[in-house]
C-alpha cells in the first residue's frame, strides 16, 4: 500500500447532517484543492438514517467516490470508513434445513417400539 492509498483511506468519513427535525448520515471525502492550496470536503453520497448500508449501496458509493475523486475506490475502501457498517447480502446466509424432524406423540412412539 503506497502513501497515496494510506492518505485516501483516512480521508473518507461519515458525518451526521441535521435538517429541521430529521437527521441523516452522508459520506464525505477530503480532496486537495490546487487553486486554494488547502483541503476541501467533497460530498460523495447519502447513507441514510443509520450507519449501516448494504453491499449494493456500498458498491454505488464506491462508484460515486471514484467519479468525484478521480481515482479508483473499491468496496473495501468503503468498509474501512470509521463508524460505517457494510452488511453482507442475504444470499451469503446459511441454507435452510430441508425438512423439520417429525415429532411423535407418546402413543405413536410406543406403538413403533411394539411393532419392532
PDB file of N, CA and C in Angstrom:
ATOM      1  N   UNK A   1       0.852  -1.171   0.000  1.00  0.00           N
ATOM      2  CA  UNK A   1       0.000   0.000   0.000  1.00  0.00           C
ATOM      3  C   UNK A   1       0.898   1.235   0.000  1.00  0.00           C
ATOM      4  N   UNK A   2       0.722   2.088  -1.003  1.00  0.00           N
ATOM      5  CA  UNK A   2       1.545   3.276  -1.130  1.00  0.00           C
ATOM      6  C   UNK A   2       1.059   4.410  -0.246  1.00  0.00           C
ATOM      7  N   UNK A   3       1.755   5.496  -0.285  1.00  0.00           N
ATOM      8  CA  UNK A   3       1.420   6.659   0.519  1.00  0.00           C
ATOM      9  C   UNK A   3       0.078   7.248   0.120  1.00  0.00           C
ATOM     10  N   UNK A   4      -0.219   7.277  -1.181  1.00  0.00           N
ATOM     11  CA  UNK A   4      -1.496   7.839  -1.626  1.00  0.00           C
ATOM     12  C   UNK A   4      -2.656   6.974  -1.158  1.00  0.00           C
ATOM     13  N   UNK A   5      -2.479   5.660  -1.107  1.00  0.00           N
ATOM     14  CA  UNK A   5      -3.538   4.781  -0.611  1.00  0.00           C
ATOM     15  C   UNK A   5      -3.812   5.048   0.853  1.00  0.00           C
ATOM     16  N   UNK A   6      -2.768   5.228   1.651  1.00  0.00           N
ATOM     17  CA  UNK A   6      -2.946   5.490   3.080  1.00  0.00           C
ATOM     18  C   UNK A   6      -3.664   6.816   3.297  1.00  0.00           C
ATOM     19  N   UNK A   7      -3.326   7.834   2.498  1.00  0.00           N
ATOM     20  CA  UNK A   7      -3.998   9.123   2.620  1.00  0.00           C
ATOM     21  C   UNK A   7      -5.456   8.981   2.225  1.00  0.00           C
ATOM     22  N   UNK A   8      -5.718   8.225   1.165  1.00  0.00           N
ATOM     23  CA  UNK A   8      -7.075   8.049   0.690  1.00  0.00           C
ATOM     24  C   UNK A   8      -7.945   7.355   1.731  1.00  0.00           C
ATOM     25  N   UNK A   9      -7.411   6.329   2.390  1.00  0.00           N
ATOM     26  CA  UNK A   9      -8.200   5.586   3.353  1.00  0.00           C
ATOM     27  C   UNK A   9      -8.569   6.436   4.561  1.00  0.00           C
ATOM     28  N   UNK A  10      -7.702   7.321   4.979  1.00  0.00           N
ATOM     29  CA  UNK A  10      -8.005   8.150   6.142  1.00  0.00           C
ATOM     30  C   UNK A  10      -8.813   9.379   5.764  1.00  0.00           C
ATOM     31  N   UNK A  11      -8.948   9.670   4.462  1.00  0.00           N
ATOM     32  CA  UNK A  11      -9.594  10.894   4.040  1.00  0.00           C
ATOM     33  C   UNK A  11     -11.101  10.757   3.873  1.00  0.00           C
ATOM     34  N   UNK A  12     -11.646   9.541   3.905  1.00  0.00           N
ATOM     35  CA  UNK A  12     -13.090   9.372   3.774  1.00  0.00           C
ATOM     36  C   UNK A  12     -13.707   9.233   5.155  1.00  0.00           C
ATOM     37  N   UNK A  13     -14.868   9.882   5.345  1.00  0.00           N
ATOM     38  CA  UNK A  13     -15.516   9.844   6.647  1.00  0.00           C
ATOM     39  C   UNK A  13     -17.015  10.037   6.474  1.00  0.00           C
ATOM     40  N   UNK A  14     -17.770   9.694   7.537  1.00  0.00           N
ATOM     41  CA  UNK A  14     -19.202   9.944   7.524  1.00  0.00           C
ATOM     42  C   UNK A  14     -19.495  11.048   8.534  1.00  0.00           C
ATOM     43  N   UNK A  15     -20.516  11.809   8.247  1.00  0.00           N
ATOM     44  CA  UNK A  15     -20.916  12.874   9.147  1.00  0.00           C
ATOM     45  C   UNK A  15     -22.439  12.935   9.196  1.00  0.00           C
ATOM     46  N   UNK A  16     -22.948  13.370  10.322  1.00  0.00           N
ATOM     47  CA  UNK A  16     -24.396  13.443  10.504  1.00  0.00           C
ATOM     48  C   UNK A  16     -24.860  14.850  10.163  1.00  0.00           C
ATOM     49  N   UNK A  17     -25.904  14.934   9.357  1.00  0.00           N
ATOM     50  CA  UNK A  17     -26.452  16.208   8.918  1.00  0.00           C
ATOM     51  C   UNK A  17     -27.808  16.392   9.591  1.00  0.00           C
ATOM     52  N   UNK A  18     -28.050  17.579  10.096  1.00  0.00           N
ATOM     53  CA  UNK A  18     -29.317  17.871  10.758  1.00  0.00           C
ATOM     54  C   UNK A  18     -30.086  18.884   9.920  1.00  0.00           C
ATOM     55  N   UNK A  19     -31.250  18.473   9.444  1.00  0.00           N
ATOM     56  CA  UNK A  19     -32.120  19.348   8.662  1.00  0.00           C
ATOM     57  C   UNK A  19     -33.495  19.360   9.315  1.00  0.00           C
ATOM     58  N   UNK A  20     -33.872  20.460   9.916  1.00  0.00           N
ATOM     59  CA  UNK A  20     -35.163  20.542  10.586  1.00  0.00           C
ATOM     60  C   UNK A  20     -35.219  19.571  11.752  1.00  0.00           C
ATOM     61  N   UNK A  21     -36.209  18.700  11.742  1.00  0.00           N
ATOM     62  CA  UNK A  21     -36.329  17.696  12.803  1.00  0.00           C
ATOM     63  C   UNK A  21     -35.608  16.400  12.459  1.00  0.00           C
ATOM     64  N   UNK A  22     -35.222  16.219  11.204  1.00  0.00           N
ATOM     65  CA  UNK A  22     -34.592  14.970  10.776  1.00  0.00           C
ATOM     66  C   UNK A  22     -33.078  15.025  10.832  1.00  0.00           C
ATOM     67  N   UNK A  23     -32.490  13.850  10.988  1.00  0.00           N
ATOM     68  CA  UNK A  23     -31.032  13.696  10.956  1.00  0.00           C
ATOM     69  C   UNK A  23     -30.701  12.515  10.073  1.00  0.00           C
ATOM     70  N   UNK A  24     -29.637  12.664   9.297  1.00  0.00           N
ATOM     71  CA  UNK A  24     -29.209  11.566   8.434  1.00  0.00           C
ATOM     72  C   UNK A  24     -27.699  11.626   8.264  1.00  0.00           C
ATOM     73  N   UNK A  25     -27.129  10.525   7.749  1.00  0.00           N
ATOM     74  CA  UNK A  25     -25.688  10.387   7.586  1.00  0.00           C
ATOM     75  C   UNK A  25     -25.325  10.509   6.116  1.00  0.00           C
ATOM     76  N   UNK A  26     -24.182  11.158   5.848  1.00  0.00           N
ATOM     77  CA  UNK A  26     -23.660  11.269   4.491  1.00  0.00           C
ATOM     78  C   UNK A  26     -22.181  10.890   4.492  1.00  0.00           C
ATOM     79  N   UNK A  27     -21.694  10.451   3.337  1.00  0.00           N
ATOM     80  CA  UNK A  27     -20.285  10.113   3.169  1.00  0.00           C
ATOM     81  C   UNK A  27     -19.577  11.288   2.509  1.00  0.00           C
ATOM     82  N   UNK A  28     -18.471  11.707   3.100  1.00  0.00           N
ATOM     83  CA  UNK A  28     -17.670  12.798   2.548  1.00  0.00           C
ATOM     84  C   UNK A  28     -16.225  12.344   2.426  1.00  0.00           C
ATOM     85  N   UNK A  29     -15.465  13.077   1.626  1.00  0.00           N
ATOM     86  CA  UNK A  29     -14.046  12.802   1.459  1.00  0.00           C
ATOM     87  C   UNK A  29     -13.296  14.125   1.452  1.00  0.00           C
ATOM     88  N   UNK A  30     -12.026  14.049   1.749  1.00  0.00           N
ATOM     89  CA  UNK A  30     -11.173  15.234   1.731  1.00  0.00           C
ATOM     90  C   UNK A  30     -10.359  15.202   0.444  1.00  0.00           C
ATOM     91  N   UNK A  31     -10.364  16.331  -0.268  1.00  0.00           N
ATOM     92  CA  UNK A  31      -9.650  16.424  -1.539  1.00  0.00           C
ATOM     93  C   UNK A  31      -8.804  17.699  -1.544  1.00  0.00           C
ATOM     94  N   UNK A  32      -7.599  17.618  -2.071  1.00  0.00           N
ATOM     95  CA  UNK A  32      -6.703  18.765  -2.132  1.00  0.00           C
ATOM     96  C   UNK A  32      -7.134  19.691  -3.276  1.00  0.00           C
ATOM     97  N   UNK A  33      -7.348  20.966  -2.948  1.00  0.00           N
ATOM     98  CA  UNK A  33      -7.691  21.971  -3.942  1.00  0.00           C
ATOM     99  C   UNK A  33      -6.406  22.701  -4.331  1.00  0.00           C
ATOM    100  N   UNK A  34      -5.980  22.529  -5.580  1.00  0.00           N
ATOM    101  CA  UNK A  34      -4.708  23.111  -6.027  1.00  0.00           C
ATOM    102  C   UNK A  34      -4.762  24.633  -6.097  1.00  0.00           C
ATOM    103  N   UNK A  35      -5.912  25.180  -6.474  1.00  0.00           N
ATOM    104  CA  UNK A  35      -6.028  26.626  -6.621  1.00  0.00           C
ATOM    105  C   UNK A  35      -5.955  27.345  -5.267  1.00  0.00           C
ATOM    106  N   UNK A  36      -6.703  26.826  -4.284  1.00  0.00           N
ATOM    107  CA  UNK A  36      -6.723  27.464  -2.966  1.00  0.00           C
ATOM    108  C   UNK A  36      -5.637  26.942  -2.037  1.00  0.00           C
ATOM    109  N   UNK A  37      -4.967  25.874  -2.470  1.00  0.00           N
ATOM    110  CA  UNK A  37      -3.899  25.248  -1.685  1.00  0.00           C
ATOM    111  C   UNK A  37      -4.363  24.873  -0.276  1.00  0.00           C
ATOM    112  N   UNK A  38      -5.473  24.177  -0.221  1.00  0.00           N
ATOM    113  CA  UNK A  38      -5.986  23.664   1.050  1.00  0.00           C
ATOM    114  C   UNK A  38      -6.906  22.477   0.780  1.00  0.00           C
ATOM    115  N   UNK A  39      -7.180  21.715   1.830  1.00  0.00           N
ATOM    116  CA  UNK A  39      -8.079  20.576   1.711  1.00  0.00           C
ATOM    117  C   UNK A  39      -9.523  21.060   1.651  1.00  0.00           C
ATOM    118  N   UNK A  40     -10.321  20.370   0.819  1.00  0.00           N
ATOM    119  CA  UNK A  40     -11.741  20.679   0.699  1.00  0.00           C
ATOM    120  C   UNK A  40     -12.535  19.403   0.956  1.00  0.00           C
ATOM    121  N   UNK A  41     -13.689  19.541   1.588  1.00  0.00           N
ATOM    122  CA  UNK A  41     -14.566  18.390   1.794  1.00  0.00           C
ATOM    123  C   UNK A  41     -15.466  18.242   0.577  1.00  0.00           C
ATOM    124  N   UNK A  42     -15.539  17.013   0.067  1.00  0.00           N
ATOM    125  CA  UNK A  42     -16.342  16.711  -1.109  1.00  0.00           C
ATOM    126  C   UNK A  42     -17.460  15.766  -0.690  1.00  0.00           C
ATOM    127  N   UNK A  43     -18.712  16.103  -1.034  1.00  0.00           N
ATOM    128  CA  UNK A  43     -19.860  15.247  -0.752  1.00  0.00           C
ATOM    129  C   UNK A  43     -19.838  14.073  -1.717  1.00  0.00           C
ATOM    130  N   UNK A  44     -19.901  12.843  -1.167  1.00  0.00           N
ATOM    131  CA  UNK A  44     -19.898  11.639  -2.003  1.00  0.00           C
ATOM    132  C   UNK A  44     -21.310  11.098  -2.192  1.00  0.00           C
ATOM    133  N   UNK A  45     -22.043  10.888  -1.080  1.00  0.00           N
ATOM    134  CA  UNK A  45     -23.383  10.339  -1.231  1.00  0.00           C
ATOM    135  C   UNK A  45     -24.117  10.195   0.081  1.00  0.00           C
ATOM    136  N   UNK A  46     -25.421   9.970  -0.042  1.00  0.00           N
ATOM    137  CA  UNK A  46     -26.328   9.800   1.085  1.00  0.00           C
ATOM    138  C   UNK A  46     -26.226   8.372   1.608  1.00  0.00           C
ATOM    139  N   UNK A  47     -26.130   8.215   2.935  1.00  0.00           N
ATOM    140  CA  UNK A  47     -26.081   6.882   3.547  1.00  0.00           C
ATOM    141  C   UNK A  47     -27.448   6.494   4.085  1.00  0.00           C
ATOM    142  N   UNK A  48     -28.064   7.330   4.884  1.00  0.00           N
ATOM    143  CA  UNK A  48     -29.383   7.051   5.440  1.00  0.00           C
ATOM    144  C   UNK A  48     -29.470   7.514   6.869  1.00  0.00           C
ATOM    145  N   UNK A  49     -30.503   7.060   7.571  1.00  0.00           N
ATOM    146  CA  UNK A  49     -30.706   7.475   8.959  1.00  0.00           C
ATOM    147  C   UNK A  49     -29.881   6.638   9.936  1.00  0.00           C
ATOM    148  N   UNK A  50     -29.356   5.498   9.486  1.00  0.00           N
ATOM    149  CA  UNK A  50     -28.478   4.677  10.315  1.00  0.00           C
ATOM    150  C   UNK A  50     -27.133   4.544   9.610  1.00  0.00           C
ATOM    151  N   UNK A  51     -26.136   4.058  10.330  1.00  0.00           N
ATOM    152  CA  UNK A  51     -24.784   3.940   9.758  1.00  0.00           C
ATOM    153  C   UNK A  51     -24.544   2.564   9.150  1.00  0.00           C
ATOM    154  N   UNK A  52     -25.598   1.815   8.877  1.00  0.00           N
ATOM    155  CA  UNK A  52     -25.487   0.503   8.245  1.00  0.00           C
ATOM    156  C   UNK A  52     -25.989   0.590   6.809  1.00  0.00           C
ATOM    157  N   UNK A  53     -25.204   0.037   5.887  1.00  0.00           N
ATOM    158  CA  UNK A  53     -25.608   0.018   4.482  1.00  0.00           C
ATOM    159  C   UNK A  53     -25.408  -1.380   3.921  1.00  0.00           C
ATOM    160  N   UNK A  54     -26.123  -1.682   2.850  1.00  0.00           N
ATOM    161  CA  UNK A  54     -25.979  -2.988   2.200  1.00  0.00           C
ATOM    162  C   UNK A  54     -24.741  -2.975   1.314  1.00  0.00           C
ATOM    163  N   UNK A  55     -24.367  -4.138   0.862  1.00  0.00           N
ATOM    164  CA  UNK A  55     -23.199  -4.248  -0.010  1.00  0.00           C
ATOM    165  C   UNK A  55     -23.469  -3.580  -1.364  1.00  0.00           C
ATOM    166  N   UNK A  56     -24.714  -3.638  -1.825  1.00  0.00           N
ATOM    167  CA  UNK A  56     -25.065  -2.982  -3.090  1.00  0.00           C
ATOM    168  C   UNK A  56     -24.925  -1.467  -2.966  1.00  0.00           C
ATOM    169  N   UNK A  57     -25.373  -0.915  -1.844  1.00  0.00           N
ATOM    170  CA  UNK A  57     -25.239   0.525  -1.603  1.00  0.00           C
ATOM    171  C   UNK A  57     -23.762   0.917  -1.501  1.00  0.00           C
ATOM    172  N   UNK A  58     -22.940   0.048  -0.904  1.00  0.00           N
ATOM    173  CA  UNK A  58     -21.502   0.315  -0.809  1.00  0.00           C
ATOM    174  C   UNK A  58     -20.871   0.355  -2.203  1.00  0.00           C
ATOM    175  N   UNK A  59     -21.328  -0.521  -3.114  1.00  0.00           N
ATOM    176  CA  UNK A  59     -20.826  -0.501  -4.485  1.00  0.00           C
ATOM    177  C   UNK A  59     -21.190   0.807  -5.188  1.00  0.00           C
ATOM    178  N   UNK A  60     -22.439   1.281  -4.968  1.00  0.00           N
ATOM    179  CA  UNK A  60     -22.868   2.557  -5.548  1.00  0.00           C
ATOM    180  C   UNK A  60     -22.012   3.708  -5.033  1.00  0.00           C
ATOM    181  N   UNK A  61     -21.780   3.723  -3.725  1.00  0.00           N
ATOM    182  CA  UNK A  61     -20.964   4.788  -3.139  1.00  0.00           C
ATOM    183  C   UNK A  61     -19.529   4.741  -3.649  1.00  0.00           C
ATOM    184  N   UNK A  62     -19.004   3.535  -3.871  1.00  0.00           N
ATOM    185  CA  UNK A  62     -17.645   3.399  -4.405  1.00  0.00           C
ATOM    186  C   UNK A  62     -17.560   3.968  -5.821  1.00  0.00           C
ATOM    187  N   UNK A  63     -18.581   3.722  -6.636  1.00  0.00           N
ATOM    188  CA  UNK A  63     -18.603   4.270  -7.986  1.00  0.00           C
ATOM    189  C   UNK A  63     -18.677   5.799  -7.958  1.00  0.00           C
ATOM    190  N   UNK A  64     -19.547   6.342  -7.100  1.00  0.00           N
ATOM    191  CA  UNK A  64     -19.664   7.800  -6.984  1.00  0.00           C
ATOM    192  C   UNK A  64     -18.360   8.424  -6.501  1.00  0.00           C
ATOM    193  N   UNK A  65     -17.727   7.778  -5.527  1.00  0.00           N
ATOM    194  CA  UNK A  65     -16.467   8.294  -4.990  1.00  0.00           C
ATOM    195  C   UNK A  65     -15.375   8.260  -6.056  1.00  0.00           C
ATOM    196  N   UNK A  66     -15.357   7.222  -6.873  1.00  0.00           N
ATOM    197  CA  UNK A  66     -14.362   7.129  -7.949  1.00  0.00           C
ATOM    198  C   UNK A  66     -14.522   8.278  -8.938  1.00  0.00           C
ATOM    199  N   UNK A  67     -15.779   8.600  -9.263  1.00  0.00           N
ATOM    200  CA  UNK A  67     -16.035   9.698 -10.194  1.00  0.00           C
ATOM    201  C   UNK A  67     -15.620  11.046  -9.600  1.00  0.00           C
ATOM    202  N   UNK A  68     -15.987  11.283  -8.358  1.00  0.00           N
ATOM    203  CA  UNK A  68     -15.750  12.594  -7.750  1.00  0.00           C
ATOM    204  C   UNK A  68     -14.297  12.811  -7.342  1.00  0.00           C
ATOM    205  N   UNK A  69     -13.598  11.740  -6.965  1.00  0.00           N
ATOM    206  CA  UNK A  69     -12.215  11.897  -6.524  1.00  0.00           C
ATOM    207  C   UNK A  69     -11.209  11.677  -7.646  1.00  0.00           C
ATOM    208  N   UNK A  70     -11.658  11.087  -8.744  1.00  0.00           N
ATOM    209  CA  UNK A  70     -10.769  10.891  -9.883  1.00  0.00           C
ATOM    210  C   UNK A  70      -9.767   9.773  -9.718  1.00  0.00           C
ATOM    211  N   UNK A  71     -10.024   8.836  -8.832  1.00  0.00           N
ATOM    212  CA  UNK A  71      -9.153   7.667  -8.649  1.00  0.00           C
ATOM    213  C   UNK A  71     -10.020   6.481  -8.245  1.00  0.00           C
ATOM    214  N   UNK A  72      -9.563   5.271  -8.486  1.00  0.00           N
ATOM    215  CA  UNK A  72     -10.404   4.100  -8.205  1.00  0.00           C
ATOM    216  C   UNK A  72     -10.641   3.895  -6.705  1.00  0.00           C
ATOM    217  N   UNK A  73     -11.893   3.693  -6.347  1.00  0.00           N
ATOM    218  CA  UNK A  73     -12.300   3.404  -4.972  1.00  0.00           C
ATOM    219  C   UNK A  73     -13.019   2.059  -4.998  1.00  0.00           C
ATOM    220  N   UNK A  74     -12.664   1.171  -4.080  1.00  0.00           N
ATOM    221  CA  UNK A  74     -13.284  -0.155  -4.028  1.00  0.00           C
ATOM    222  C   UNK A  74     -14.241  -0.244  -2.843  1.00  0.00           C
ATOM    223  N   UNK A  75     -14.996  -1.333  -2.805  1.00  0.00           N
ATOM    224  CA  UNK A  75     -15.906  -1.569  -1.679  1.00  0.00           C
ATOM    225  C   UNK A  75     -15.114  -1.755  -0.387  1.00  0.00           C
ATOM    226  N   UNK A  76     -13.910  -2.335  -0.483  1.00  0.00           N
ATOM    227  CA  UNK A  76     -13.069  -2.491   0.707  1.00  0.00           C
ATOM    228  C   UNK A  76     -12.680  -1.141   1.289  1.00  0.00           C
ATOM    229  N   UNK A  77     -12.460  -0.148   0.428  1.00  0.00           N
ATOM    230  CA  UNK A  77     -12.173   1.202   0.923  1.00  0.00           C
ATOM    231  C   UNK A  77     -13.374   1.772   1.670  1.00  0.00           C
ATOM    232  N   UNK A  78     -14.578   1.490   1.172  1.00  0.00           N
ATOM    233  CA  UNK A  78     -15.796   1.954   1.852  1.00  0.00           C
ATOM    234  C   UNK A  78     -15.939   1.231   3.192  1.00  0.00           C
ATOM    235  N   UNK A  79     -15.577  -0.058   3.245  1.00  0.00           N
ATOM    236  CA  UNK A  79     -15.655  -0.813   4.502  1.00  0.00           C
ATOM    237  C   UNK A  79     -14.720  -0.245   5.571  1.00  0.00           C
ATOM    238  N   UNK A  80     -13.623   0.364   5.159  1.00  0.00           N
ATOM    239  CA  UNK A  80     -12.644   0.890   6.106  1.00  0.00           C
ATOM    240  C   UNK A  80     -13.030   2.238   6.708  1.00  0.00           C
ATOM    241  N   UNK A  81     -14.118   2.827   6.244  1.00  0.00           N
ATOM    242  CA  UNK A  81     -14.551   4.120   6.783  1.00  0.00           C
ATOM    243  C   UNK A  81     -15.004   3.916   8.223  1.00  0.00           C
ATOM    244  N   UNK A  82     -14.498   4.748   9.100  1.00  0.00           N
ATOM    245  CA  UNK A  82     -14.789   4.620  10.528  1.00  0.00           C
ATOM    246  C   UNK A  82     -16.283   4.829  10.798  1.00  0.00           C
ATOM    247  N   UNK A  83     -16.849   4.004  11.654  1.00  0.00           N
ATOM    248  CA  UNK A  83     -18.249   4.023  12.098  1.00  0.00           C
ATOM    249  C   UNK A  83     -19.249   3.552  11.053  1.00  0.00           C
ATOM    250  N   UNK A  84     -18.824   3.213   9.848  1.00  0.00           N
ATOM    251  CA  UNK A  84     -19.734   2.758   8.804  1.00  0.00           C
ATOM    252  C   UNK A  84     -19.725   1.237   8.753  1.00  0.00           C
ATOM    253  N   UNK A  85     -20.905   0.616   8.785  1.00  0.00           N
ATOM    254  CA  UNK A  85     -21.025  -0.843   8.752  1.00  0.00           C
ATOM    255  C   UNK A  85     -21.636  -1.276   7.429  1.00  0.00           C
ATOM    256  N   UNK A  86     -20.948  -2.178   6.742  1.00  0.00           N
ATOM    257  CA  UNK A  86     -21.452  -2.745   5.487  1.00  0.00           C
ATOM    258  C   UNK A  86     -21.990  -4.130   5.806  1.00  0.00           C
ATOM    259  N   UNK A  87     -23.273  -4.324   5.572  1.00  0.00           N
ATOM    260  CA  UNK A  87     -23.955  -5.585   5.867  1.00  0.00           C
ATOM    261  C   UNK A  87     -23.879  -6.478   4.626  1.00  0.00           C
ATOM    262  N   UNK A  88     -23.431  -7.753   4.776  1.00  0.00           N
ATOM    263  CA  UNK A  88     -23.384  -8.648   3.609  1.00  0.00           C
ATOM    264  C   UNK A  88     -24.788  -8.949   3.087  1.00  0.00           C
ATOM    265  N   UNK A  89     -24.848  -9.301   1.813  1.00  0.00           N
ATOM    266  CA  UNK A  89     -26.132  -9.584   1.184  1.00  0.00           C
ATOM    267  C   UNK A  89     -26.733 -10.871   1.732  1.00  0.00           C
ATOM    268  N   UNK A  90     -28.038 -11.020   1.580  1.00  0.00           N
ATOM    269  CA  UNK A  90     -28.770 -12.175   2.118  1.00  0.00           C
ATOM    270  C   UNK A  90     -28.361 -13.484   1.464  1.00  0.00           C
ATOM    271  N   UNK A  91     -27.874 -13.468   0.254  1.00  0.00           N
ATOM    272  CA  UNK A  91     -27.538 -14.708  -0.454  1.00  0.00           C
ATOM    273  C   UNK A  91     -26.383 -15.454   0.205  1.00  0.00           C
ATOM    274  N   UNK A  92     -25.630 -14.774   1.055  1.00  0.00           N
ATOM    275  CA  UNK A  92     -24.498 -15.412   1.704  1.00  0.00           C
ATOM    276  C   UNK A  92     -24.886 -16.062   3.034  1.00  0.00           C
ATOM    277  N   UNK A  93     -26.166 -16.081   3.366  1.00  0.00           N
ATOM    278  CA  UNK A  93     -26.593 -16.671   4.625  1.00  0.00           C
ATOM    279  C   UNK A  93     -26.614 -18.198   4.535  1.00  0.00           C
ATOM    280  N   UNK A  94     -26.780 -18.865   5.652  1.00  0.00           N
ATOM    281  CA  UNK A  94     -26.798 -20.330   5.690  1.00  0.00           C
ATOM    282  C   UNK A  94     -28.048 -20.869   5.009  1.00  0.00           C
ATOM    283  N   UNK A  95     -27.944 -22.039   4.362  1.00  0.00           N
ATOM    284  CA  UNK A  95     -29.124 -22.617   3.719  1.00  0.00           C
ATOM    285  C   UNK A  95     -30.128 -23.107   4.758  1.00  0.00           C
ATOM    286  N   UNK A  96     -31.402 -23.095   4.352  1.00  0.00           N
ATOM    287  CA  UNK A  96     -32.459 -23.551   5.251  1.00  0.00           C
ATOM    288  C   UNK A  96     -32.448 -25.084   5.311  1.00  0.00           C
ATOM    289  N   UNK A  97     -32.819 -25.659   6.459  1.00  0.00           N
ATOM    290  CA  UNK A  97     -32.903 -27.122   6.523  1.00  0.00           C
ATOM    291  C   UNK A  97     -34.009 -27.616   5.598  1.00  0.00           C
ATOM    292  N   UNK A  98     -33.820 -28.818   5.051  1.00  0.00           N
ATOM    293  CA  UNK A  98     -34.762 -29.340   4.056  1.00  0.00           C
ATOM    294  C   UNK A  98     -36.128 -29.625   4.671  1.00  0.00           C
ATOM    295  N   UNK A  99     -36.161 -30.337   5.766  1.00  0.00           N
ATOM    296  CA  UNK A  99     -37.437 -30.666   6.396  1.00  0.00           C
ATOM    297  C   UNK A  99     -37.237 -30.760   7.907  1.00  0.00           C
ATOM    298  N   UNK A 100     -38.250 -30.356   8.624  1.00  0.00           N
ATOM    299  CA  UNK A 100     -38.158 -30.442  10.077  1.00  0.00           C
ATOM    300  C   UNK A 100     -38.412 -31.883  10.512  1.00  0.00           C
ATOM    301  N   UNK A 101     -37.744 -32.364  11.540  1.00  0.00           N
ATOM    302  CA  UNK A 101     -37.999 -33.729  12.003  1.00  0.00           C
ATOM    303  C   UNK A 101     -39.406 -33.833  12.578  1.00  0.00           C
ATOM    304  N   UNK A 102     -40.027 -34.975  12.318  1.00  0.00           N
ATOM    305  CA  UNK A 102     -41.390 -35.187  12.794  1.00  0.00           C
ATOM    306  C   UNK A 102     -41.365 -35.475  14.284  1.00  0.00           C
ATOM    307  N   UNK A 103     -42.223 -34.805  15.018  1.00  0.00           N
ATOM    308  CA  UNK A 103     -42.322 -35.006  16.458  1.00  0.00           C
ATOM    309  C   UNK A 103     -43.420 -36.035  16.709  1.00  0.00           C
ATOM    310  N   UNK A 104     -43.047 -37.137  17.370  1.00  0.00           N
ATOM    311  CA  UNK A 104     -44.002 -38.208  17.647  1.00  0.00           C
ATOM    312  C   UNK A 104     -44.650 -37.997  19.002  1.00  0.00           C
ATOM    313  N   UNK A 105     -45.922 -38.347  19.068  1.00  0.00           N
ATOM    314  CA  UNK A 105     -46.587 -38.338  20.370  1.00  0.00           C
ATOM    315  C   UNK A 105     -46.125 -39.579  21.129  1.00  0.00           C
ATOM    316  N   UNK A 106     -46.404 -39.631  22.399  1.00  0.00           N
ATOM    317  CA  UNK A 106     -46.003 -40.765  23.220  1.00  0.00           C
ATOM    318  C   UNK A 106     -46.647 -42.058  22.712  1.00  0.00           C
ATOM    319  N   UNK A 107     -47.925 -41.974  22.320  1.00  0.00           N
ATOM    320  CA  UNK A 107     -48.624 -43.170  21.834  1.00  0.00           C
ATOM    321  C   UNK A 107     -47.980 -43.684  20.533  1.00  0.00           C
ATOM    322  N   UNK A 108     -47.628 -42.771  19.610  1.00  0.00           N
ATOM    323  CA  UNK A 108     -47.009 -43.178  18.359  1.00  0.00           C
ATOM    324  C   UNK A 108     -45.622 -43.790  18.615  1.00  0.00           C
ATOM    325  N   UNK A 109     -44.887 -43.229  19.554  1.00  0.00           N
ATOM    326  CA  UNK A 109     -43.568 -43.732  19.891  1.00  0.00           C
ATOM    327  C   UNK A 109     -43.644 -45.144  20.467  1.00  0.00           C
ATOM    328  N   UNK A 110     -44.588 -45.369  21.403  1.00  0.00           N
ATOM    329  CA  UNK A 110     -44.740 -46.686  21.994  1.00  0.00           C
ATOM    330  C   UNK A 110     -45.218 -47.702  20.967  1.00  0.00           C
ATOM    331  N   UNK A 111     -46.099 -47.253  20.067  1.00  0.00           N
ATOM    332  CA  UNK A 111     -46.616 -48.155  19.029  1.00  0.00           C
ATOM    333  C   UNK A 111     -45.481 -48.598  18.092  1.00  0.00           C
ATOM    334  N   UNK A 112     -44.585 -47.674  17.738  1.00  0.00           N
ATOM    335  CA  UNK A 112     -43.471 -48.035  16.856  1.00  0.00           C
ATOM    336  C   UNK A 112     -42.508 -48.986  17.557  1.00  0.00           C
ATOM    337  N   UNK A 113     -42.337 -48.846  18.894  1.00  0.00           N
ATOM    338  CA  UNK A 113     -41.455 -49.739  19.636  1.00  0.00           C
ATOM    339  C   UNK A 113     -42.037 -51.152  19.706  1.00  0.00           C
ATOM    340  N   UNK A 114     -43.358 -51.261  19.825  1.00  0.00           N
ATOM    341  CA  UNK A 114     -44.017 -52.565  19.924  1.00  0.00           C
ATOM    342  C   UNK A 114     -43.918 -53.283  18.581  1.00  0.00           C
ATOM    343  N   UNK A 115     -44.062 -52.563  17.480  1.00  0.00           N
ATOM    344  CA  UNK A 115     -44.003 -53.172  16.150  1.00  0.00           C
ATOM    345  C   UNK A 115     -42.609 -53.704  15.843  1.00  0.00           C
ATOM    346  N   UNK A 116     -41.566 -53.053  16.383  1.00  0.00           N
ATOM    347  CA  UNK A 116     -40.194 -53.505  16.129  1.00  0.00           C
ATOM    348  C   UNK A 116     -39.964 -54.750  16.884  1.00  0.00           C
TER     349      UNK A 116
END
